[in-house]
Amino acid sequence: MGVIVRFIVSALVLMLVGFILPGFKTMSFFHALFAAVVIAALGWVVESLLGKTVSPYSRGVVGFLVSAVIIWAAQFIVPGMSVSLVGALLAAFVIGIIDLFVPTTIR
């Protein structure tokens, strides 16, 4: 049940980011939900290959840049998602800020 709530919250955050940021196309809820799953899967693959130090939760510049690249790369998998490089950087920043107040991980 917690995983479902996590993906729903992530989808809502992606929809909010798409609404407020330039360079990040607004998505429907189902596209945003699919994008949340794809971003989580890509993040898991990157962490598996490169280690936990590239995680966005390490709060470093590398984690921030990796998050932006993952968000940018997800547009090639998710239909209806369009993100520019600047949009991905801004989205990673805003999602990081939102995650401070509304965590999307189960702790």
PDB file of N, CA and C in Angstrom:
ATOM      1  N   MET A   1       0.821  -1.194   0.000  1.00  0.00           N
ATOM      2  CA  MET A   1       0.000   0.000   0.000  1.00  0.00           C
ATOM      3  C   MET A   1       0.867   1.261   0.000  1.00  0.00           C
ATOM      4  N   GLY A   2       1.964   1.236   0.754  1.00  0.00           N
ATOM      5  CA  GLY A   2       2.849   2.389   0.834  1.00  0.00           C
ATOM      6  C   GLY A   2       3.489   2.729  -0.496  1.00  0.00           C
ATOM      7  N   VAL A   3       3.794   1.717  -1.294  1.00  0.00           N
ATOM      8  CA  VAL A   3       4.408   1.944  -2.604  1.00  0.00           C
ATOM      9  C   VAL A   3       3.421   2.645  -3.530  1.00  0.00           C
ATOM     10  N   ILE A   4       2.162   2.257  -3.454  1.00  0.00           N
ATOM     11  CA  ILE A   4       1.144   2.889  -4.292  1.00  0.00           C
ATOM     12  C   ILE A   4       1.003   4.367  -3.929  1.00  0.00           C
ATOM     13  N   VAL A   5       0.975   4.650  -2.631  1.00  0.00           N
ATOM     14  CA  VAL A   5       0.880   6.042  -2.175  1.00  0.00           C
ATOM     15  C   VAL A   5       2.103   6.824  -2.634  1.00  0.00           C
ATOM     16  N   ARG A   6       3.273   6.202  -2.568  1.00  0.00           N
ATOM     17  CA  ARG A   6       4.505   6.870  -3.008  1.00  0.00           C
ATOM     18  C   ARG A   6       4.422   7.278  -4.474  1.00  0.00           C
ATOM     19  N   PHE A   7       3.947   6.373  -5.331  1.00  0.00           N
ATOM     20  CA  PHE A   7       3.863   6.689  -6.755  1.00  0.00           C
ATOM     21  C   PHE A   7       2.762   7.710  -7.046  1.00  0.00           C
ATOM     22  N   ILE A   8       1.678   7.675  -6.301  1.00  0.00           N
ATOM     23  CA  ILE A   8       0.625   8.675  -6.487  1.00  0.00           C
ATOM     24  C   ILE A   8       1.132  10.061  -6.108  1.00  0.00           C
ATOM     25  N   VAL A   9       1.839  10.156  -4.974  1.00  0.00           N
ATOM     26  CA  VAL A   9       2.409  11.437  -4.555  1.00  0.00           C
ATOM     27  C   VAL A   9       3.434  11.912  -5.584  1.00  0.00           C
ATOM     28  N   SER A  10       4.261  11.006  -6.082  1.00  0.00           N
ATOM     29  CA  SER A  10       5.256  11.370  -7.095  1.00  0.00           C
ATOM     30  C   SER A  10       4.585  11.870  -8.366  1.00  0.00           C
ATOM     31  N   ALA A  11       3.497  11.218  -8.772  1.00  0.00           N
ATOM     32  CA  ALA A  11       2.768  11.652  -9.968  1.00  0.00           C
ATOM     33  C   ALA A  11       2.171  13.040  -9.767  1.00  0.00           C
ATOM     34  N   LEU A  12       1.619  13.289  -8.597  1.00  0.00           N
ATOM     35  CA  LEU A  12       1.061  14.615  -8.316  1.00  0.00           C
ATOM     36  C   LEU A  12       2.148  15.686  -8.322  1.00  0.00           C
ATOM     37  N   VAL A  13       3.322  15.351  -7.791  1.00  0.00           N
ATOM     38  CA  VAL A  13       4.444  16.291  -7.811  1.00  0.00           C
ATOM     39  C   VAL A  13       4.873  16.567  -9.247  1.00  0.00           C
ATOM     40  N   LEU A  14       4.942  15.539 -10.082  1.00  0.00           N
ATOM     41  CA  LEU A  14       5.300  15.735 -11.491  1.00  0.00           C
ATOM     42  C   LEU A  14       4.274  16.603 -12.215  1.00  0.00           C
ATOM     43  N   MET A  15       2.999  16.416 -11.897  1.00  0.00           N
ATOM     44  CA  MET A  15       1.962  17.245 -12.511  1.00  0.00           C
ATOM     45  C   MET A  15       2.116  18.698 -12.064  1.00  0.00           C
ATOM     46  N   LEU A  16       2.406  18.916 -10.795  1.00  0.00           N
ATOM     47  CA  LEU A  16       2.622  20.270 -10.290  1.00  0.00           C
ATOM     48  C   LEU A  16       3.822  20.915 -10.963  1.00  0.00           C
ATOM     49  N   VAL A  17       4.904  20.160 -11.074  1.00  0.00           N
ATOM     50  CA  VAL A  17       6.114  20.667 -11.723  1.00  0.00           C
ATOM     51  C   VAL A  17       5.827  21.007 -13.181  1.00  0.00           C
ATOM     52  N   GLY A  18       5.088  20.158 -13.857  1.00  0.00           N
ATOM     53  CA  GLY A  18       4.728  20.428 -15.252  1.00  0.00           C
ATOM     54  C   GLY A  18       3.865  21.670 -15.401  1.00  0.00           C
ATOM     55  N   PHE A  19       3.074  21.960 -14.384  1.00  0.00           N
ATOM     56  CA  PHE A  19       2.202  23.132 -14.436  1.00  0.00           C
ATOM     57  C   PHE A  19       2.964  24.429 -14.188  1.00  0.00           C
ATOM     58  N   ILE A  20       3.987  24.411 -13.299  1.00  0.00           N
ATOM     59  CA  ILE A  20       4.637  25.663 -12.907  1.00  0.00           C
ATOM     60  C   ILE A  20       5.949  25.958 -13.629  1.00  0.00           C
ATOM     61  N   LEU A  21       6.569  24.945 -14.231  1.00  0.00           N
ATOM     62  CA  LEU A  21       7.889  25.166 -14.824  1.00  0.00           C
ATOM     63  C   LEU A  21       7.852  25.270 -16.345  1.00  0.00           C
ATOM     64  N   PRO A  22       8.645  26.198 -16.889  1.00  0.00           N
ATOM     65  CA  PRO A  22       8.806  26.226 -18.344  1.00  0.00           C
ATOM     66  C   PRO A  22       9.731  25.083 -18.768  1.00  0.00           C
ATOM     67  N   GLY A  23       9.517  24.550 -19.935  1.00  0.00           N
ATOM     68  CA  GLY A  23      10.368  23.472 -20.430  1.00  0.00           C
ATOM     69  C   GLY A  23       9.969  22.099 -19.926  1.00  0.00           C
ATOM     70  N   PHE A  24       8.843  22.018 -19.222  1.00  0.00           N
ATOM     71  CA  PHE A  24       8.342  20.740 -18.696  1.00  0.00           C
ATOM     72  C   PHE A  24       6.862  20.689 -19.036  1.00  0.00           C
ATOM     73  N   LYS A  25       6.500  19.858 -20.020  1.00  0.00           N
ATOM     74  CA  LYS A  25       5.132  19.801 -20.519  1.00  0.00           C
ATOM     75  C   LYS A  25       4.195  19.210 -19.466  1.00  0.00           C
ATOM     76  N   THR A  26       3.051  19.835 -19.302  1.00  0.00           N
ATOM     77  CA  THR A  26       2.036  19.336 -18.379  1.00  0.00           C
ATOM     78  C   THR A  26       1.521  17.985 -18.861  1.00  0.00           C
ATOM     79  N   MET A  27       1.337  17.049 -17.920  1.00  0.00           N
ATOM     80  CA  MET A  27       0.916  15.690 -18.261  1.00  0.00           C
ATOM     81  C   MET A  27      -0.406  15.364 -17.578  1.00  0.00           C
ATOM     82  N   SER A  28      -1.105  14.376 -18.120  1.00  0.00           N
ATOM     83  CA  SER A  28      -2.285  13.856 -17.443  1.00  0.00           C
ATOM     84  C   SER A  28      -1.830  13.028 -16.245  1.00  0.00           C
ATOM     85  N   PHE A  29      -2.770  12.674 -15.375  1.00  0.00           N
ATOM     86  CA  PHE A  29      -2.400  11.915 -14.182  1.00  0.00           C
ATOM     87  C   PHE A  29      -1.784  10.571 -14.553  1.00  0.00           C
ATOM     88  N   PHE A  30      -2.340   9.879 -15.525  1.00  0.00           N
ATOM     89  CA  PHE A  30      -1.836   8.553 -15.871  1.00  0.00           C
ATOM     90  C   PHE A  30      -0.446   8.621 -16.515  1.00  0.00           C
ATOM     91  N   HIS A  31      -0.207   9.655 -17.327  1.00  0.00           N
ATOM     92  CA  HIS A  31       1.135   9.835 -17.870  1.00  0.00           C
ATOM     93  C   HIS A  31       2.122  10.174 -16.750  1.00  0.00           C
ATOM     94  N   ALA A  32       1.694  11.004 -15.811  1.00  0.00           N
ATOM     95  CA  ALA A  32       2.553  11.363 -14.688  1.00  0.00           C
ATOM     96  C   ALA A  32       2.826  10.148 -13.802  1.00  0.00           C
ATOM     97  N   LEU A  33       1.826   9.297 -13.617  1.00  0.00           N
ATOM     98  CA  LEU A  33       2.021   8.079 -12.829  1.00  0.00           C
ATOM     99  C   LEU A  33       3.014   7.148 -13.521  1.00  0.00           C
ATOM    100  N   PHE A  34       2.879   7.001 -14.832  1.00  0.00           N
ATOM    101  CA  PHE A  34       3.824   6.186 -15.594  1.00  0.00           C
ATOM    102  C   PHE A  34       5.220   6.803 -15.533  1.00  0.00           C
ATOM    103  N   ALA A  35       5.293   8.137 -15.632  1.00  0.00           N
ATOM    104  CA  ALA A  35       6.584   8.823 -15.536  1.00  0.00           C
ATOM    105  C   ALA A  35       7.226   8.596 -14.168  1.00  0.00           C
ATOM    106  N   ALA A  36       6.423   8.605 -13.109  1.00  0.00           N
ATOM    107  CA  ALA A  36       6.959   8.359 -11.758  1.00  0.00           C
ATOM    108  C   ALA A  36       7.560   6.959 -11.666  1.00  0.00           C
ATOM    109  N   VAL A  37       6.891   5.989 -12.259  1.00  0.00           N
ATOM    110  CA  VAL A  37       7.411   4.609 -12.251  1.00  0.00           C
ATOM    111  C   VAL A  37       8.690   4.525 -13.074  1.00  0.00           C
ATOM    112  N   VAL A  38       8.709   5.161 -14.236  1.00  0.00           N
ATOM    113  CA  VAL A  38       9.899   5.130 -15.093  1.00  0.00           C
ATOM    114  C   VAL A  38      11.071   5.835 -14.419  1.00  0.00           C
ATOM    115  N   ILE A  39      10.828   6.989 -13.815  1.00  0.00           N
ATOM    116  CA  ILE A  39      11.897   7.719 -13.134  1.00  0.00           C
ATOM    117  C   ILE A  39      12.441   6.906 -11.962  1.00  0.00           C
ATOM    118  N   ALA A  40      11.549   6.257 -11.213  1.00  0.00           N
ATOM    119  CA  ALA A  40      12.005   5.412 -10.100  1.00  0.00           C
ATOM    120  C   ALA A  40      12.843   4.240 -10.613  1.00  0.00           C
ATOM    121  N   ALA A  41      12.403   3.630 -11.714  1.00  0.00           N
ATOM    122  CA  ALA A  41      13.151   2.495 -12.274  1.00  0.00           C
ATOM    123  C   ALA A  41      14.514   2.936 -12.803  1.00  0.00           C
ATOM    124  N   LEU A  42      14.540   4.059 -13.522  1.00  0.00           N
ATOM    125  CA  LEU A  42      15.825   4.564 -14.022  1.00  0.00           C
ATOM    126  C   LEU A  42      16.753   4.941 -12.870  1.00  0.00           C
ATOM    127  N   GLY A  43      16.190   5.552 -11.830  1.00  0.00           N
ATOM    128  CA  GLY A  43      16.993   5.887 -10.652  1.00  0.00           C
ATOM    129  C   GLY A  43      17.568   4.656  -9.984  1.00  0.00           C
ATOM    130  N   TRP A  44      16.763   3.587  -9.910  1.00  0.00           N
ATOM    131  CA  TRP A  44      17.236   2.342  -9.317  1.00  0.00           C
ATOM    132  C   TRP A  44      18.372   1.740 -10.151  1.00  0.00           C
ATOM    133  N   VAL A  45      18.230   1.770 -11.474  1.00  0.00           N
ATOM    134  CA  VAL A  45      19.274   1.231 -12.352  1.00  0.00           C
ATOM    135  C   VAL A  45      20.574   2.018 -12.182  1.00  0.00           C
ATOM    136  N   VAL A  46      20.474   3.349 -12.173  1.00  0.00           N
ATOM    137  CA  VAL A  46      21.667   4.180 -12.024  1.00  0.00           C
ATOM    138  C   VAL A  46      22.333   3.942 -10.673  1.00  0.00           C
ATOM    139  N   GLU A  47      21.538   3.867  -9.597  1.00  0.00           N
ATOM    140  CA  GLU A  47      22.102   3.602  -8.272  1.00  0.00           C
ATOM    141  C   GLU A  47      22.735   2.216  -8.212  1.00  0.00           C
ATOM    142  N   SER A  48      22.140   1.247  -8.891  1.00  0.00           N
ATOM    143  CA  SER A  48      22.705  -0.105  -8.907  1.00  0.00           C
ATOM    144  C   SER A  48      24.050  -0.138  -9.621  1.00  0.00           C
ATOM    145  N   LEU A  49      24.146   0.615 -10.706  1.00  0.00           N
ATOM    146  CA  LEU A  49      25.386   0.624 -11.485  1.00  0.00           C
ATOM    147  C   LEU A  49      26.480   1.485 -10.858  1.00  0.00           C
ATOM    148  N   LEU A  50      26.105   2.641 -10.318  1.00  0.00           N
ATOM    149  CA  LEU A  50      27.101   3.610  -9.862  1.00  0.00           C
ATOM    150  C   LEU A  50      27.198   3.741  -8.343  1.00  0.00           C
ATOM    151  N   GLY A  51      26.305   3.128  -7.604  1.00  0.00           N
ATOM    152  CA  GLY A  51      26.364   3.204  -6.146  1.00  0.00           C
ATOM    153  C   GLY A  51      25.444   4.268  -5.584  1.00  0.00           C
ATOM    154  N   LYS A  52      25.306   4.252  -4.270  1.00  0.00           N
ATOM    155  CA  LYS A  52      24.390   5.176  -3.591  1.00  0.00           C
ATOM    156  C   LYS A  52      24.874   6.619  -3.595  1.00  0.00           C
ATOM    157  N   THR A  53      26.138   6.870  -3.917  1.00  0.00           N
ATOM    158  CA  THR A  53      26.655   8.244  -3.880  1.00  0.00           C
ATOM    159  C   THR A  53      26.070   9.119  -4.972  1.00  0.00           C
ATOM    160  N   VAL A  54      25.461   8.524  -5.992  1.00  0.00           N
ATOM    161  CA  VAL A  54      24.845   9.318  -7.056  1.00  0.00           C
ATOM    162  C   VAL A  54      23.362   9.518  -6.801  1.00  0.00           C
ATOM    163  N   SER A  55      22.872   9.044  -5.682  1.00  0.00           N
ATOM    164  CA  SER A  55      21.466   9.184  -5.346  1.00  0.00           C
ATOM    165  C   SER A  55      21.114  10.645  -5.084  1.00  0.00           C
ATOM    166  N   PRO A  56      19.925  11.070  -5.504  1.00  0.00           N
ATOM    167  CA  PRO A  56      19.525  12.442  -5.190  1.00  0.00           C
ATOM    168  C   PRO A  56      19.386  12.662  -3.697  1.00  0.00           C
ATOM    169  N   TYR A  57      19.250  11.588  -2.930  1.00  0.00           N
ATOM    170  CA  TYR A  57      19.101  11.714  -1.484  1.00  0.00           C
ATOM    171  C   TYR A  57      20.425  11.974  -0.795  1.00  0.00           C
ATOM    172  N   SER A  58      21.534  11.858  -1.528  1.00  0.00           N
ATOM    173  CA  SER A  58      22.820  12.212  -0.940  1.00  0.00           C
ATOM    174  C   SER A  58      22.987  13.720  -0.897  1.00  0.00           C
ATOM    175  N   ARG A  59      22.069  14.452  -1.541  1.00  0.00           N
ATOM    176  CA  ARG A  59      21.986  15.916  -1.513  1.00  0.00           C
ATOM    177  C   ARG A  59      23.205  16.624  -2.075  1.00  0.00           C
ATOM    178  N   GLY A  60      23.943  15.949  -2.903  1.00  0.00           N
ATOM    179  CA  GLY A  60      25.106  16.578  -3.508  1.00  0.00           C
ATOM    180  C   GLY A  60      24.814  17.076  -4.903  1.00  0.00           C
ATOM    181  N   VAL A  61      25.790  17.769  -5.465  1.00  0.00           N
ATOM    182  CA  VAL A  61      25.648  18.284  -6.825  1.00  0.00           C
ATOM    183  C   VAL A  61      25.537  17.133  -7.816  1.00  0.00           C
ATOM    184  N   VAL A  62      26.298  16.071  -7.581  1.00  0.00           N
ATOM    185  CA  VAL A  62      26.249  14.916  -8.479  1.00  0.00           C
ATOM    186  C   VAL A  62      24.854  14.289  -8.448  1.00  0.00           C
ATOM    187  N   GLY A  63      24.281  14.146  -7.269  1.00  0.00           N
ATOM    188  CA  GLY A  63      22.933  13.598  -7.147  1.00  0.00           C
ATOM    189  C   GLY A  63      21.900  14.463  -7.845  1.00  0.00           C
ATOM    190  N   PHE A  64      22.066  15.774  -7.736  1.00  0.00           N
ATOM    191  CA  PHE A  64      21.166  16.711  -8.410  1.00  0.00           C
ATOM    192  C   PHE A  64      21.265  16.558  -9.919  1.00  0.00           C
ATOM    193  N   LEU A  65      22.485  16.489 -10.436  1.00  0.00           N
ATOM    194  CA  LEU A  65      22.676  16.357 -11.890  1.00  0.00           C
ATOM    195  C   LEU A  65      22.175  15.011 -12.397  1.00  0.00           C
ATOM    196  N   VAL A  66      22.397  13.955 -11.620  1.00  0.00           N
ATOM    197  CA  VAL A  66      21.905  12.635 -12.017  1.00  0.00           C
ATOM    198  C   VAL A  66      20.377  12.641 -12.050  1.00  0.00           C
ATOM    199  N   SER A  67      19.753  13.300 -11.078  1.00  0.00           N
ATOM    200  CA  SER A  67      18.293  13.414 -11.074  1.00  0.00           C
ATOM    201  C   SER A  67      17.792  14.132 -12.324  1.00  0.00           C
ATOM    202  N   ALA A  68      18.465  15.204 -12.694  1.00  0.00           N
ATOM    203  CA  ALA A  68      18.071  15.955 -13.888  1.00  0.00           C
ATOM    204  C   ALA A  68      18.215  15.095 -15.151  1.00  0.00           C
ATOM    205  N   VAL A  69      19.294  14.337 -15.242  1.00  0.00           N
ATOM    206  CA  VAL A  69      19.500  13.470 -16.410  1.00  0.00           C
ATOM    207  C   VAL A  69      18.438  12.374 -16.455  1.00  0.00           C
ATOM    208  N   ILE A  70      18.088  11.811 -15.304  1.00  0.00           N
ATOM    209  CA  ILE A  70      17.056  10.768 -15.260  1.00  0.00           C
ATOM    210  C   ILE A  70      15.713  11.337 -15.696  1.00  0.00           C
ATOM    211  N   ILE A  71      15.368  12.533 -15.220  1.00  0.00           N
ATOM    212  CA  ILE A  71      14.107  13.173 -15.611  1.00  0.00           C
ATOM    213  C   ILE A  71      14.117  13.451 -17.112  1.00  0.00           C
ATOM    214  N   TRP A  72      15.235  13.942 -17.622  1.00  0.00           N
ATOM    215  CA  TRP A  72      15.338  14.229 -19.052  1.00  0.00           C
ATOM    216  C   TRP A  72      15.227  12.945 -19.877  1.00  0.00           C
ATOM    217  N   ALA A  73      15.881  11.872 -19.439  1.00  0.00           N
ATOM    218  CA  ALA A  73      15.866  10.607 -20.178  1.00  0.00           C
ATOM    219  C   ALA A  73      14.484   9.945 -20.157  1.00  0.00           C
ATOM    220  N   ALA A  74      13.716  10.179 -19.111  1.00  0.00           N
ATOM    221  CA  ALA A  74      12.391   9.559 -19.002  1.00  0.00           C
ATOM    222  C   ALA A  74      11.459   9.998 -20.117  1.00  0.00           C
ATOM    223  N   GLN A  75      11.699  11.163 -20.699  1.00  0.00           N
ATOM    224  CA  GLN A  75      10.818  11.641 -21.774  1.00  0.00           C
ATOM    225  C   GLN A  75      10.862  10.741 -23.005  1.00  0.00           C
ATOM    226  N   PHE A  76      11.940   9.974 -23.167  1.00  0.00           N
ATOM    227  CA  PHE A  76      12.051   9.090 -24.327  1.00  0.00           C
ATOM    228  C   PHE A  76      11.295   7.779 -24.126  1.00  0.00           C
ATOM    229  N   ILE A  77      10.843   7.535 -22.898  1.00  0.00           N
ATOM    230  CA  ILE A  77      10.098   6.314 -22.584  1.00  0.00           C
ATOM    231  C   ILE A  77       8.616   6.611 -22.371  1.00  0.00           C
ATOM    232  N   VAL A  78       8.319   7.749 -21.746  1.00  0.00           N
ATOM    233  CA  VAL A  78       6.948   8.099 -21.369  1.00  0.00           C
ATOM    234  C   VAL A  78       6.280   8.895 -22.490  1.00  0.00           C
ATOM    235  N   PRO A  79       5.186   8.373 -23.037  1.00  0.00           N
ATOM    236  CA  PRO A  79       4.472   9.138 -24.058  1.00  0.00           C
ATOM    237  C   PRO A  79       3.801  10.353 -23.414  1.00  0.00           C
ATOM    238  N   GLY A  80       3.831  11.467 -24.104  1.00  0.00           N
ATOM    239  CA  GLY A  80       3.196  12.673 -23.589  1.00  0.00           C
ATOM    240  C   GLY A  80       4.081  13.487 -22.662  1.00  0.00           C
ATOM    241  N   MET A  81       5.310  13.035 -22.433  1.00  0.00           N
ATOM    242  CA  MET A  81       6.234  13.774 -21.568  1.00  0.00           C
ATOM    243  C   MET A  81       7.274  14.460 -22.443  1.00  0.00           C
ATOM    244  N   SER A  82       7.440  15.749 -22.232  1.00  0.00           N
ATOM    245  CA  SER A  82       8.417  16.510 -22.987  1.00  0.00           C
ATOM    246  C   SER A  82       9.150  17.432 -22.019  1.00  0.00           C
ATOM    247  N   VAL A  83      10.479  17.288 -21.974  1.00  0.00           N
ATOM    248  CA  VAL A  83      11.288  18.053 -21.026  1.00  0.00           C
ATOM    249  C   VAL A  83      12.532  18.562 -21.742  1.00  0.00           C
ATOM    250  N   SER A  84      12.810  19.851 -21.607  1.00  0.00           N
ATOM    251  CA  SER A  84      14.062  20.392 -22.119  1.00  0.00           C
ATOM    252  C   SER A  84      15.155  20.163 -21.072  1.00  0.00           C
ATOM    253  N   LEU A  85      16.404  20.387 -21.452  1.00  0.00           N
ATOM    254  CA  LEU A  85      17.491  20.224 -20.479  1.00  0.00           C
ATOM    255  C   LEU A  85      17.348  21.206 -19.316  1.00  0.00           C
ATOM    256  N   VAL A  86      16.995  22.449 -19.628  1.00  0.00           N
ATOM    257  CA  VAL A  86      16.789  23.437 -18.568  1.00  0.00           C
ATOM    258  C   VAL A  86      15.577  23.051 -17.723  1.00  0.00           C
ATOM    259  N   GLY A  87      14.538  22.551 -18.379  1.00  0.00           N
ATOM    260  CA  GLY A  87      13.354  22.089 -17.660  1.00  0.00           C
ATOM    261  C   GLY A  87      13.675  20.943 -16.715  1.00  0.00           C
ATOM    262  N   ALA A  88      14.551  20.025 -17.148  1.00  0.00           N
ATOM    263  CA  ALA A  88      14.952  18.907 -16.295  1.00  0.00           C
ATOM    264  C   ALA A  88      15.748  19.399 -15.090  1.00  0.00           C
ATOM    265  N   LEU A  89      16.631  20.364 -15.309  1.00  0.00           N
ATOM    266  CA  LEU A  89      17.394  20.934 -14.186  1.00  0.00           C
ATOM    267  C   LEU A  89      16.466  21.635 -13.201  1.00  0.00           C
ATOM    268  N   LEU A  90      15.552  22.435 -13.720  1.00  0.00           N
ATOM    269  CA  LEU A  90      14.597  23.117 -12.845  1.00  0.00           C
ATOM    270  C   LEU A  90      13.691  22.118 -12.123  1.00  0.00           C
ATOM    271  N   ALA A  91      13.261  21.079 -12.841  1.00  0.00           N
ATOM    272  CA  ALA A  91      12.399  20.068 -12.233  1.00  0.00           C
ATOM    273  C   ALA A  91      13.130  19.326 -11.118  1.00  0.00           C
ATOM    274  N   ALA A  92      14.387  18.974 -11.340  1.00  0.00           N
ATOM    275  CA  ALA A  92      15.160  18.293 -10.292  1.00  0.00           C
ATOM    276  C   ALA A  92      15.276  19.184  -9.061  1.00  0.00           C
ATOM    277  N   PHE A  93      15.469  20.480  -9.281  1.00  0.00           N
ATOM    278  CA  PHE A  93      15.565  21.415  -8.163  1.00  0.00           C
ATOM    279  C   PHE A  93      14.237  21.518  -7.405  1.00  0.00           C
ATOM    280  N   VAL A  94      13.145  21.729  -8.142  1.00  0.00           N
ATOM    281  CA  VAL A  94      11.837  21.885  -7.506  1.00  0.00           C
ATOM    282  C   VAL A  94      11.400  20.590  -6.825  1.00  0.00           C
ATOM    283  N   ILE A  95      11.620  19.454  -7.470  1.00  0.00           N
ATOM    284  CA  ILE A  95      11.266  18.172  -6.861  1.00  0.00           C
ATOM    285  C   ILE A  95      12.081  17.952  -5.592  1.00  0.00           C
ATOM    286  N   GLY A  96      13.346  18.346  -5.598  1.00  0.00           N
ATOM    287  CA  GLY A  96      14.165  18.249  -4.391  1.00  0.00           C
ATOM    288  C   GLY A  96      13.626  19.094  -3.262  1.00  0.00           C
ATOM    289  N   ILE A  97      13.184  20.307  -3.589  1.00  0.00           N
ATOM    290  CA  ILE A  97      12.597  21.193  -2.576  1.00  0.00           C
ATOM    291  C   ILE A  97      11.285  20.602  -2.050  1.00  0.00           C
ATOM    292  N   ILE A  98      10.437  20.142  -2.942  1.00  0.00           N
ATOM    293  CA  ILE A  98       9.161  19.549  -2.526  1.00  0.00           C
ATOM    294  C   ILE A  98       9.412  18.304  -1.683  1.00  0.00           C
ATOM    295  N   ASP A  99      10.416  17.522  -2.039  1.00  0.00           N
ATOM    296  CA  ASP A  99      10.718  16.296  -1.312  1.00  0.00           C
ATOM    297  C   ASP A  99      11.166  16.575   0.127  1.00  0.00           C
ATOM    298  N   LEU A 100      11.689  17.759   0.375  1.00  0.00           N
ATOM    299  CA  LEU A 100      12.047  18.120   1.744  1.00  0.00           C
ATOM    300  C   LEU A 100      10.814  18.210   2.640  1.00  0.00           C
ATOM    301  N   PHE A 101       9.702  18.674   2.065  1.00  0.00           N
ATOM    302  CA  PHE A 101       8.481  18.880   2.832  1.00  0.00           C
ATOM    303  C   PHE A 101       7.478  17.733   2.710  1.00  0.00           C
ATOM    304  N   VAL A 102       7.445  17.098   1.537  1.00  0.00           N
ATOM    305  CA  VAL A 102       6.532  15.970   1.288  1.00  0.00           C
ATOM    306  C   VAL A 102       7.389  14.830   0.763  1.00  0.00           C
ATOM    307  N   PRO A 103       8.010  14.049   1.651  1.00  0.00           N
ATOM    308  CA  PRO A 103       8.892  12.980   1.174  1.00  0.00           C
ATOM    309  C   PRO A 103       8.122  11.923   0.391  1.00  0.00           C
ATOM    310  N   THR A 104       8.738  11.471  -0.703  1.00  0.00           N
ATOM    311  CA  THR A 104       8.106  10.447  -1.532  1.00  0.00           C
ATOM    312  C   THR A 104       8.667   9.058  -1.247  1.00  0.00           C
ATOM    313  N   THR A 105       9.556   8.967  -0.258  1.00  0.00           N
ATOM    314  CA  THR A 105      10.073   7.661   0.121  1.00  0.00           C
ATOM    315  C   THR A 105       9.443   7.236   1.431  1.00  0.00           C
ATOM    316  N   ILE A 106       9.357   5.962   1.619  1.00  0.00           N
ATOM    317  CA  ILE A 106       8.812   5.423   2.849  1.00  0.00           C
ATOM    318  C   ILE A 106       9.958   5.308   3.847  1.00  0.00           C
ATOM    319  N   ARG A 107       9.829   6.004   4.934  1.00  0.00           N
ATOM    320  CA  ARG A 107      10.922   6.017   5.927  1.00  0.00           C
ATOM    321  C   ARG A 107      10.544   5.244   7.149  1.00  0.00           C
TER     322      ARG A 107
END
